[in-house]
């Protein structure tokens, strides 16, 4: 087994109300920053042992589907790297 870190980034799908992002965007615009859009996201770093990077990604995907994200309203990305 090898140690991996799987990073799962969970964000609301486009079109789903994101009040945190709306408030943050307004505040940044008041500070003079010009933005087209802003979405908030949660990032989960999972340290786990697996036989391969594909196995680690598969396990992280199952965790995202079952708990970390609600597939009805969330999109998520998974990146896997061998732990240092």
PDB file of N, CA and C in Angstrom:
ATOM      1  N   UNK A   1       0.850  -1.192   0.000  1.00  0.00           N
ATOM      2  CA  UNK A   1       0.000   0.000   0.000  1.00  0.00           C
ATOM      3  C   UNK A   1       0.888   1.247   0.000  1.00  0.00           C
ATOM      4  N   UNK A   2       0.357   2.269  -0.635  1.00  0.00           N
ATOM      5  CA  UNK A   2       1.059   3.536  -0.751  1.00  0.00           C
ATOM      6  C   UNK A   2       0.184   4.633  -0.156  1.00  0.00           C
ATOM      7  N   UNK A   3       0.816   5.640   0.429  1.00  0.00           N
ATOM      8  CA  UNK A   3       0.078   6.764   1.001  1.00  0.00           C
ATOM      9  C   UNK A   3      -0.238   7.782  -0.100  1.00  0.00           C
ATOM     10  N   UNK A   4      -1.489   8.194  -0.157  1.00  0.00           N
ATOM     11  CA  UNK A   4      -1.952   9.189  -1.120  1.00  0.00           C
ATOM     12  C   UNK A   4      -2.724  10.276  -0.385  1.00  0.00           C
ATOM     13  N   UNK A   5      -2.771  11.442  -1.005  1.00  0.00           N
ATOM     14  CA  UNK A   5      -3.660  12.509  -0.564  1.00  0.00           C
ATOM     15  C   UNK A   5      -4.636  12.786  -1.695  1.00  0.00           C
ATOM     16  N   UNK A   6      -5.905  12.623  -1.393  1.00  0.00           N
ATOM     17  CA  UNK A   6      -6.963  12.927  -2.361  1.00  0.00           C
ATOM     18  C   UNK A   6      -7.594  14.254  -1.938  1.00  0.00           C
ATOM     19  N   UNK A   7      -7.617  15.195  -2.844  1.00  0.00           N
ATOM     20  CA  UNK A   7      -8.230  16.492  -2.578  1.00  0.00           C
ATOM     21  C   UNK A   7      -9.565  16.550  -3.307  1.00  0.00           C
ATOM     22  N   UNK A   8     -10.628  16.725  -2.531  1.00  0.00           N
ATOM     23  CA  UNK A   8     -11.984  16.794  -3.077  1.00  0.00           C
ATOM     24  C   UNK A   8     -12.472  18.238  -2.917  1.00  0.00           C
ATOM     25  N   UNK A   9     -12.752  18.890  -4.033  1.00  0.00           N
ATOM     26  CA  UNK A   9     -13.273  20.255  -4.025  1.00  0.00           C
ATOM     27  C   UNK A   9     -14.754  20.189  -4.382  1.00  0.00           C
ATOM     28  N   UNK A  10     -15.586  20.667  -3.460  1.00  0.00           N
ATOM     29  CA  UNK A  10     -17.041  20.600  -3.621  1.00  0.00           C
ATOM     30  C   UNK A  10     -17.573  22.030  -3.751  1.00  0.00           C
ATOM     31  N   UNK A  11     -18.360  22.247  -4.814  1.00  0.00           N
ATOM     32  CA  UNK A  11     -18.962  23.571  -4.998  1.00  0.00           C
ATOM     33  C   UNK A  11     -20.402  23.411  -5.482  1.00  0.00           C
ATOM     34  N   UNK A  12     -21.202  24.421  -5.251  1.00  0.00           N
ATOM     35  CA  UNK A  12     -22.576  24.391  -5.731  1.00  0.00           C
ATOM     36  C   UNK A  12     -22.594  24.443  -7.250  1.00  0.00           C
ATOM     37  N   UNK A  13     -23.522  23.737  -7.855  1.00  0.00           N
ATOM     38  CA  UNK A  13     -23.676  23.774  -9.311  1.00  0.00           C
ATOM     39  C   UNK A  13     -24.094  25.178  -9.731  1.00  0.00           C
ATOM     40  N   UNK A  14     -23.747  25.526 -10.957  1.00  0.00           N
ATOM     41  CA  UNK A  14     -24.176  26.826 -11.483  1.00  0.00           C
ATOM     42  C   UNK A  14     -25.701  26.876 -11.460  1.00  0.00           C
ATOM     43  N   UNK A  15     -26.227  28.017 -11.051  1.00  0.00           N
ATOM     44  CA  UNK A  15     -27.672  28.175 -10.988  1.00  0.00           C
ATOM     45  C   UNK A  15     -28.249  27.908  -9.608  1.00  0.00           C
ATOM     46  N   UNK A  16     -27.463  27.273  -8.719  1.00  0.00           N
ATOM     47  CA  UNK A  16     -27.911  27.051  -7.341  1.00  0.00           C
ATOM     48  C   UNK A  16     -27.503  28.272  -6.522  1.00  0.00           C
ATOM     49  N   UNK A  17     -28.433  28.807  -5.767  1.00  0.00           N
ATOM     50  CA  UNK A  17     -28.193  29.999  -4.960  1.00  0.00           C
ATOM     51  C   UNK A  17     -27.008  29.793  -4.023  1.00  0.00           C
ATOM     52  N   UNK A  18     -26.045  30.739  -4.064  1.00  0.00           N
ATOM     53  CA  UNK A  18     -24.842  30.676  -3.240  1.00  0.00           C
ATOM     54  C   UNK A  18     -24.692  32.004  -2.504  1.00  0.00           C
ATOM     55  N   UNK A  19     -25.434  32.189  -1.396  1.00  0.00           N
ATOM     56  CA  UNK A  19     -25.414  33.486  -0.712  1.00  0.00           C
ATOM     57  C   UNK A  19     -24.034  33.886  -0.189  1.00  0.00           C
ATOM     58  N   UNK A  20     -23.247  32.918   0.237  1.00  0.00           N
ATOM     59  CA  UNK A  20     -21.894  33.236   0.730  1.00  0.00           C
ATOM     60  C   UNK A  20     -21.060  33.860  -0.389  1.00  0.00           C
ATOM     61  N   UNK A  21     -21.124  33.269  -1.570  1.00  0.00           N
ATOM     62  CA  UNK A  21     -20.361  33.793  -2.702  1.00  0.00           C
ATOM     63  C   UNK A  21     -20.885  35.159  -3.129  1.00  0.00           C
ATOM     64  N   UNK A  22     -22.202  35.340  -3.122  1.00  0.00           N
ATOM     65  CA  UNK A  22     -22.776  36.632  -3.508  1.00  0.00           C
ATOM     66  C   UNK A  22     -22.315  37.743  -2.567  1.00  0.00           C
ATOM     67  N   UNK A  23     -22.318  37.470  -1.272  1.00  0.00           N
ATOM     68  CA  UNK A  23     -21.884  38.458  -0.286  1.00  0.00           C
ATOM     69  C   UNK A  23     -20.405  38.772  -0.460  1.00  0.00           C
ATOM     70  N   UNK A  24     -19.600  37.737  -0.663  1.00  0.00           N
ATOM     71  CA  UNK A  24     -18.162  37.928  -0.850  1.00  0.00           C
ATOM     72  C   UNK A  24     -17.879  38.708  -2.124  1.00  0.00           C
ATOM     73  N   UNK A  25     -18.595  38.399  -3.210  1.00  0.00           N
ATOM     74  CA  UNK A  25     -18.387  39.103  -4.467  1.00  0.00           C
ATOM     75  C   UNK A  25     -18.725  40.588  -4.312  1.00  0.00           C
ATOM     76  N   UNK A  26     -19.861  40.889  -3.671  1.00  0.00           N
ATOM     77  CA  UNK A  26     -20.226  42.302  -3.457  1.00  0.00           C
ATOM     78  C   UNK A  26     -19.150  43.031  -2.651  1.00  0.00           C
ATOM     79  N   UNK A  27     -18.637  42.363  -1.615  1.00  0.00           N
ATOM     80  CA  UNK A  27     -17.602  42.986  -0.790  1.00  0.00           C
ATOM     81  C   UNK A  27     -16.322  43.233  -1.583  1.00  0.00           C
ATOM     82  N   UNK A  28     -15.927  42.265  -2.404  1.00  0.00           N
ATOM     83  CA  UNK A  28     -14.732  42.453  -3.235  1.00  0.00           C
ATOM     84  C   UNK A  28     -14.931  43.578  -4.246  1.00  0.00           C
ATOM     85  N   UNK A  29     -16.121  43.664  -4.811  1.00  0.00           N
ATOM     86  CA  UNK A  29     -16.400  44.740  -5.763  1.00  0.00           C
ATOM     87  C   UNK A  29     -16.364  46.101  -5.078  1.00  0.00           C
ATOM     88  N   UNK A  30     -16.859  46.180  -3.831  1.00  0.00           N
ATOM     89  CA  UNK A  30     -16.785  47.432  -3.066  1.00  0.00           C
ATOM     90  C   UNK A  30     -15.340  47.830  -2.795  1.00  0.00           C
ATOM     91  N   UNK A  31     -14.456  46.833  -2.726  1.00  0.00           N
ATOM     92  CA  UNK A  31     -13.033  47.108  -2.517  1.00  0.00           C
ATOM     93  C   UNK A  31     -12.313  47.440  -3.823  1.00  0.00           C
ATOM     94  N   UNK A  32     -13.053  47.444  -4.930  1.00  0.00           N
ATOM     95  CA  UNK A  32     -12.476  47.844  -6.206  1.00  0.00           C
ATOM     96  C   UNK A  32     -12.076  46.708  -7.124  1.00  0.00           C
ATOM     97  N   UNK A  33     -12.349  45.469  -6.750  1.00  0.00           N
ATOM     98  CA  UNK A  33     -12.025  44.329  -7.604  1.00  0.00           C
ATOM     99  C   UNK A  33     -13.159  44.092  -8.595  1.00  0.00           C
ATOM    100  N   UNK A  34     -12.793  43.894  -9.857  1.00  0.00           N
ATOM    101  CA  UNK A  34     -13.779  43.654 -10.910  1.00  0.00           C
ATOM    102  C   UNK A  34     -13.888  42.147 -11.130  1.00  0.00           C
ATOM    103  N   UNK A  35     -15.070  41.572 -10.884  1.00  0.00           N
ATOM    104  CA  UNK A  35     -15.276  40.131 -11.023  1.00  0.00           C
ATOM    105  C   UNK A  35     -16.439  39.849 -11.960  1.00  0.00           C
ATOM    106  N   UNK A  36     -16.320  38.787 -12.735  1.00  0.00           N
ATOM    107  CA  UNK A  36     -17.449  38.322 -13.538  1.00  0.00           C
ATOM    108  C   UNK A  36     -18.338  37.398 -12.711  1.00  0.00           C
ATOM    109  N   UNK A  37     -17.729  36.594 -11.859  1.00  0.00           N
ATOM    110  CA  UNK A  37     -18.488  35.630 -11.060  1.00  0.00           C
ATOM    111  C   UNK A  37     -17.605  35.136  -9.937  1.00  0.00           C
ATOM    112  N   UNK A  38     -18.208  34.628  -8.892  1.00  0.00           N
ATOM    113  CA  UNK A  38     -17.485  34.049  -7.776  1.00  0.00           C
ATOM    114  C   UNK A  38     -18.341  32.929  -7.206  1.00  0.00           C
ATOM    115  N   UNK A  39     -17.727  31.792  -6.951  1.00  0.00           N
ATOM    116  CA  UNK A  39     -18.429  30.676  -6.313  1.00  0.00           C
ATOM    117  C   UNK A  39     -17.605  30.217  -5.131  1.00  0.00           C
ATOM    118  N   UNK A  40     -18.265  29.896  -4.042  1.00  0.00           N
ATOM    119  CA  UNK A  40     -17.559  29.370  -2.882  1.00  0.00           C
ATOM    120  C   UNK A  40     -17.384  27.866  -3.052  1.00  0.00           C
ATOM    121  N   UNK A  41     -16.420  27.307  -2.327  1.00  0.00           N
ATOM    122  CA  UNK A  41     -16.151  25.876  -2.425  1.00  0.00           C
ATOM    123  C   UNK A  41     -15.625  25.376  -1.086  1.00  0.00           C
ATOM    124  N   UNK A  42     -15.853  24.110  -0.829  1.00  0.00           N
ATOM    125  CA  UNK A  42     -15.264  23.428   0.314  1.00  0.00           C
ATOM    126  C   UNK A  42     -14.200  22.488  -0.222  1.00  0.00           C
ATOM    127  N   UNK A  43     -13.056  22.439   0.469  1.00  0.00           N
ATOM    128  CA  UNK A  43     -11.964  21.560   0.060  1.00  0.00           C
ATOM    129  C   UNK A  43     -11.697  20.579   1.191  1.00  0.00           C
ATOM    130  N   UNK A  44     -11.706  19.299   0.829  1.00  0.00           N
ATOM    131  CA  UNK A  44     -11.420  18.226   1.779  1.00  0.00           C
ATOM    132  C   UNK A  44     -10.143  17.525   1.330  1.00  0.00           C
ATOM    133  N   UNK A  45      -9.175  17.393   2.231  1.00  0.00           N
ATOM    134  CA  UNK A  45      -7.952  16.651   1.938  1.00  0.00           C
ATOM    135  C   UNK A  45      -8.012  15.335   2.689  1.00  0.00           C
ATOM    136  N   UNK A  46      -7.992  14.254   1.950  1.00  0.00           N
ATOM    137  CA  UNK A  46      -8.120  12.922   2.522  1.00  0.00           C
ATOM    138  C   UNK A  46      -6.784  12.208   2.415  1.00  0.00           C
ATOM    139  N   UNK A  47      -6.185  11.866   3.524  1.00  0.00           N
ATOM    140  CA  UNK A  47      -4.957  11.081   3.533  1.00  0.00           C
ATOM    141  C   UNK A  47      -5.352   9.625   3.693  1.00  0.00           C
ATOM    142  N   UNK A  48      -4.945   8.794   2.735  1.00  0.00           N
ATOM    143  CA  UNK A  48      -5.344   7.390   2.780  1.00  0.00           C
ATOM    144  C   UNK A  48      -4.294   6.509   2.120  1.00  0.00           C
ATOM    145  N   UNK A  49      -4.321   5.247   2.479  1.00  0.00           N
ATOM    146  CA  UNK A  49      -3.450   4.245   1.869  1.00  0.00           C
ATOM    147  C   UNK A  49      -4.253   3.500   0.810  1.00  0.00           C
ATOM    148  N   UNK A  50      -3.623   3.280  -0.347  1.00  0.00           N
ATOM    149  CA  UNK A  50      -4.296   2.578  -1.431  1.00  0.00           C
ATOM    150  C   UNK A  50      -3.243   1.866  -2.274  1.00  0.00           C
ATOM    151  N   UNK A  51      -3.718   0.914  -3.077  1.00  0.00           N
ATOM    152  CA  UNK A  51      -2.818   0.166  -3.949  1.00  0.00           C
ATOM    153  C   UNK A  51      -2.322   1.010  -5.118  1.00  0.00           C
ATOM    154  N   UNK A  52      -3.127   1.994  -5.549  1.00  0.00           N
ATOM    155  CA  UNK A  52      -2.755   2.834  -6.693  1.00  0.00           C
ATOM    156  C   UNK A  52      -3.485   4.170  -6.592  1.00  0.00           C
ATOM    157  N   UNK A  53      -3.056   5.113  -7.430  1.00  0.00           N
ATOM    158  CA  UNK A  53      -3.727   6.415  -7.472  1.00  0.00           C
ATOM    159  C   UNK A  53      -5.172   6.250  -7.940  1.00  0.00           C
ATOM    160  N   UNK A  54      -5.403   5.328  -8.878  1.00  0.00           N
ATOM    161  CA  UNK A  54      -6.772   5.083  -9.341  1.00  0.00           C
ATOM    162  C   UNK A  54      -7.652   4.556  -8.220  1.00  0.00           C
ATOM    163  N   UNK A  55      -7.095   3.671  -7.384  1.00  0.00           N
ATOM    164  CA  UNK A  55      -7.844   3.134  -6.246  1.00  0.00           C
ATOM    165  C   UNK A  55      -8.161   4.252  -5.245  1.00  0.00           C
ATOM    166  N   UNK A  56      -7.194   5.116  -5.001  1.00  0.00           N
ATOM    167  CA  UNK A  56      -7.414   6.240  -4.081  1.00  0.00           C
ATOM    168  C   UNK A  56      -8.496   7.172  -4.629  1.00  0.00           C
ATOM    169  N   UNK A  57      -8.463   7.426  -5.936  1.00  0.00           N
ATOM    170  CA  UNK A  57      -9.473   8.292  -6.553  1.00  0.00           C
ATOM    171  C   UNK A  57     -10.854   7.660  -6.470  1.00  0.00           C
ATOM    172  N   UNK A  58     -10.913   6.359  -6.669  1.00  0.00           N
ATOM    173  CA  UNK A  58     -12.195   5.650  -6.591  1.00  0.00           C
ATOM    174  C   UNK A  58     -12.774   5.732  -5.179  1.00  0.00           C
ATOM    175  N   UNK A  59     -11.927   5.571  -4.178  1.00  0.00           N
ATOM    176  CA  UNK A  59     -12.398   5.672  -2.790  1.00  0.00           C
ATOM    177  C   UNK A  59     -12.847   7.096  -2.471  1.00  0.00           C
ATOM    178  N   UNK A  60     -12.100   8.088  -2.935  1.00  0.00           N
ATOM    179  CA  UNK A  60     -12.473   9.488  -2.700  1.00  0.00           C
ATOM    180  C   UNK A  60     -13.795   9.805  -3.397  1.00  0.00           C
ATOM    181  N   UNK A  61     -13.991   9.254  -4.588  1.00  0.00           N
ATOM    182  CA  UNK A  61     -15.256   9.466  -5.313  1.00  0.00           C
ATOM    183  C   UNK A  61     -16.427   8.897  -4.514  1.00  0.00           C
ATOM    184  N   UNK A  62     -16.244   7.716  -3.948  1.00  0.00           N
ATOM    185  CA  UNK A  62     -17.319   7.117  -3.146  1.00  0.00           C
ATOM    186  C   UNK A  62     -17.624   7.980  -1.928  1.00  0.00           C
ATOM    187  N   UNK A  63     -16.581   8.507  -1.289  1.00  0.00           N
ATOM    188  CA  UNK A  63     -16.789   9.388  -0.129  1.00  0.00           C
ATOM    189  C   UNK A  63     -17.537  10.653  -0.542  1.00  0.00           C
ATOM    190  N   UNK A  64     -17.174  11.206  -1.697  1.00  0.00           N
ATOM    191  CA  UNK A  64     -17.847  12.417  -2.184  1.00  0.00           C
ATOM    192  C   UNK A  64     -19.315  12.131  -2.466  1.00  0.00           C
ATOM    193  N   UNK A  65     -19.588  11.026  -3.135  1.00  0.00           N
ATOM    194  CA  UNK A  65     -20.963  10.668  -3.488  1.00  0.00           C
ATOM    195  C   UNK A  65     -21.817  10.372  -2.254  1.00  0.00           C
ATOM    196  N   UNK A  66     -21.220   9.739  -1.253  1.00  0.00           N
ATOM    197  CA  UNK A  66     -22.002   9.303  -0.096  1.00  0.00           C
ATOM    198  C   UNK A  66     -22.120  10.342   1.013  1.00  0.00           C
ATOM    199  N   UNK A  67     -21.148  11.277   1.109  1.00  0.00           N
ATOM    200  CA  UNK A  67     -21.205  12.203   2.233  1.00  0.00           C
ATOM    201  C   UNK A  67     -20.748  13.625   1.906  1.00  0.00           C
ATOM    202  N   UNK A  68     -19.633  13.777   1.229  1.00  0.00           N
ATOM    203  CA  UNK A  68     -19.031  15.102   1.093  1.00  0.00           C
ATOM    204  C   UNK A  68     -19.825  16.038   0.185  1.00  0.00           C
ATOM    205  N   UNK A  69     -20.544  15.487  -0.782  1.00  0.00           N
ATOM    206  CA  UNK A  69     -21.307  16.308  -1.726  1.00  0.00           C
ATOM    207  C   UNK A  69     -22.706  15.746  -1.880  1.00  0.00           C
ATOM    208  N   UNK A  70     -23.625  16.626  -2.204  1.00  0.00           N
ATOM    209  CA  UNK A  70     -24.975  16.219  -2.585  1.00  0.00           C
ATOM    210  C   UNK A  70     -25.027  16.348  -4.102  1.00  0.00           C
ATOM    211  N   UNK A  71     -24.974  15.228  -4.830  1.00  0.00           N
ATOM    212  CA  UNK A  71     -24.892  15.294  -6.293  1.00  0.00           C
ATOM    213  C   UNK A  71     -26.035  16.070  -6.959  1.00  0.00           C
ATOM    214  N   UNK A  72     -27.125  16.277  -6.253  1.00  0.00           N
ATOM    215  CA  UNK A  72     -28.232  17.039  -6.813  1.00  0.00           C
ATOM    216  C   UNK A  72     -27.879  18.520  -6.946  1.00  0.00           C
ATOM    217  N   UNK A  73     -27.132  19.053  -5.984  1.00  0.00           N
ATOM    218  CA  UNK A  73     -26.829  20.491  -5.999  1.00  0.00           C
ATOM    219  C   UNK A  73     -25.337  20.807  -6.088  1.00  0.00           C
ATOM    220  N   UNK A  74     -24.472  19.807  -5.939  1.00  0.00           N
ATOM    221  CA  UNK A  74     -23.027  20.047  -5.946  1.00  0.00           C
ATOM    222  C   UNK A  74     -22.335  19.407  -7.142  1.00  0.00           C
ATOM    223  N   UNK A  75     -21.289  20.067  -7.595  1.00  0.00           N
ATOM    224  CA  UNK A  75     -20.285  19.488  -8.477  1.00  0.00           C
ATOM    225  C   UNK A  75     -19.054  19.257  -7.605  1.00  0.00           C
ATOM    226  N   UNK A  76     -18.215  18.314  -8.001  1.00  0.00           N
ATOM    227  CA  UNK A  76     -16.974  18.140  -7.258  1.00  0.00           C
ATOM    228  C   UNK A  76     -15.875  17.665  -8.190  1.00  0.00           C
ATOM    229  N   UNK A  77     -14.648  17.984  -7.802  1.00  0.00           N
ATOM    230  CA  UNK A  77     -13.453  17.552  -8.518  1.00  0.00           C
ATOM    231  C   UNK A  77     -12.586  16.786  -7.536  1.00  0.00           C
ATOM    232  N   UNK A  78     -11.874  15.793  -8.045  1.00  0.00           N
ATOM    233  CA  UNK A  78     -10.968  15.005  -7.206  1.00  0.00           C
ATOM    234  C   UNK A  78      -9.594  15.004  -7.843  1.00  0.00           C
ATOM    235  N   UNK A  79      -8.589  15.327  -7.047  1.00  0.00           N
ATOM    236  CA  UNK A  79      -7.196  15.247  -7.467  1.00  0.00           C
ATOM    237  C   UNK A  79      -6.477  14.340  -6.485  1.00  0.00           C
ATOM    238  N   UNK A  80      -5.654  13.453  -7.005  1.00  0.00           N
ATOM    239  CA  UNK A  80      -4.924  12.500  -6.151  1.00  0.00           C
ATOM    240  C   UNK A  80      -3.441  12.659  -6.404  1.00  0.00           C
ATOM    241  N   UNK A  81      -2.687  12.722  -5.321  1.00  0.00           N
ATOM    242  CA  UNK A  81      -1.226  12.803  -5.412  1.00  0.00           C
ATOM    243  C   UNK A  81      -0.637  11.851  -4.388  1.00  0.00           C
ATOM    244  N   UNK A  82       0.507  11.308  -4.727  1.00  0.00           N
ATOM    245  CA  UNK A  82       1.199  10.450  -3.772  1.00  0.00           C
ATOM    246  C   UNK A  82       1.700  11.326  -2.631  1.00  0.00           C
ATOM    247  N   UNK A  83       1.465  10.896  -1.404  1.00  0.00           N
ATOM    248  CA  UNK A  83       1.858  11.660  -0.230  1.00  0.00           C
ATOM    249  C   UNK A  83       3.382  11.711  -0.147  1.00  0.00           C
ATOM    250  N   UNK A  84       3.860  12.830   0.347  1.00  0.00           N
ATOM    251  CA  UNK A  84       5.311  13.000   0.465  1.00  0.00           C
ATOM    252  C   UNK A  84       5.796  12.605   1.827  1.00  0.00           C
TER     253      UNK A  84
END
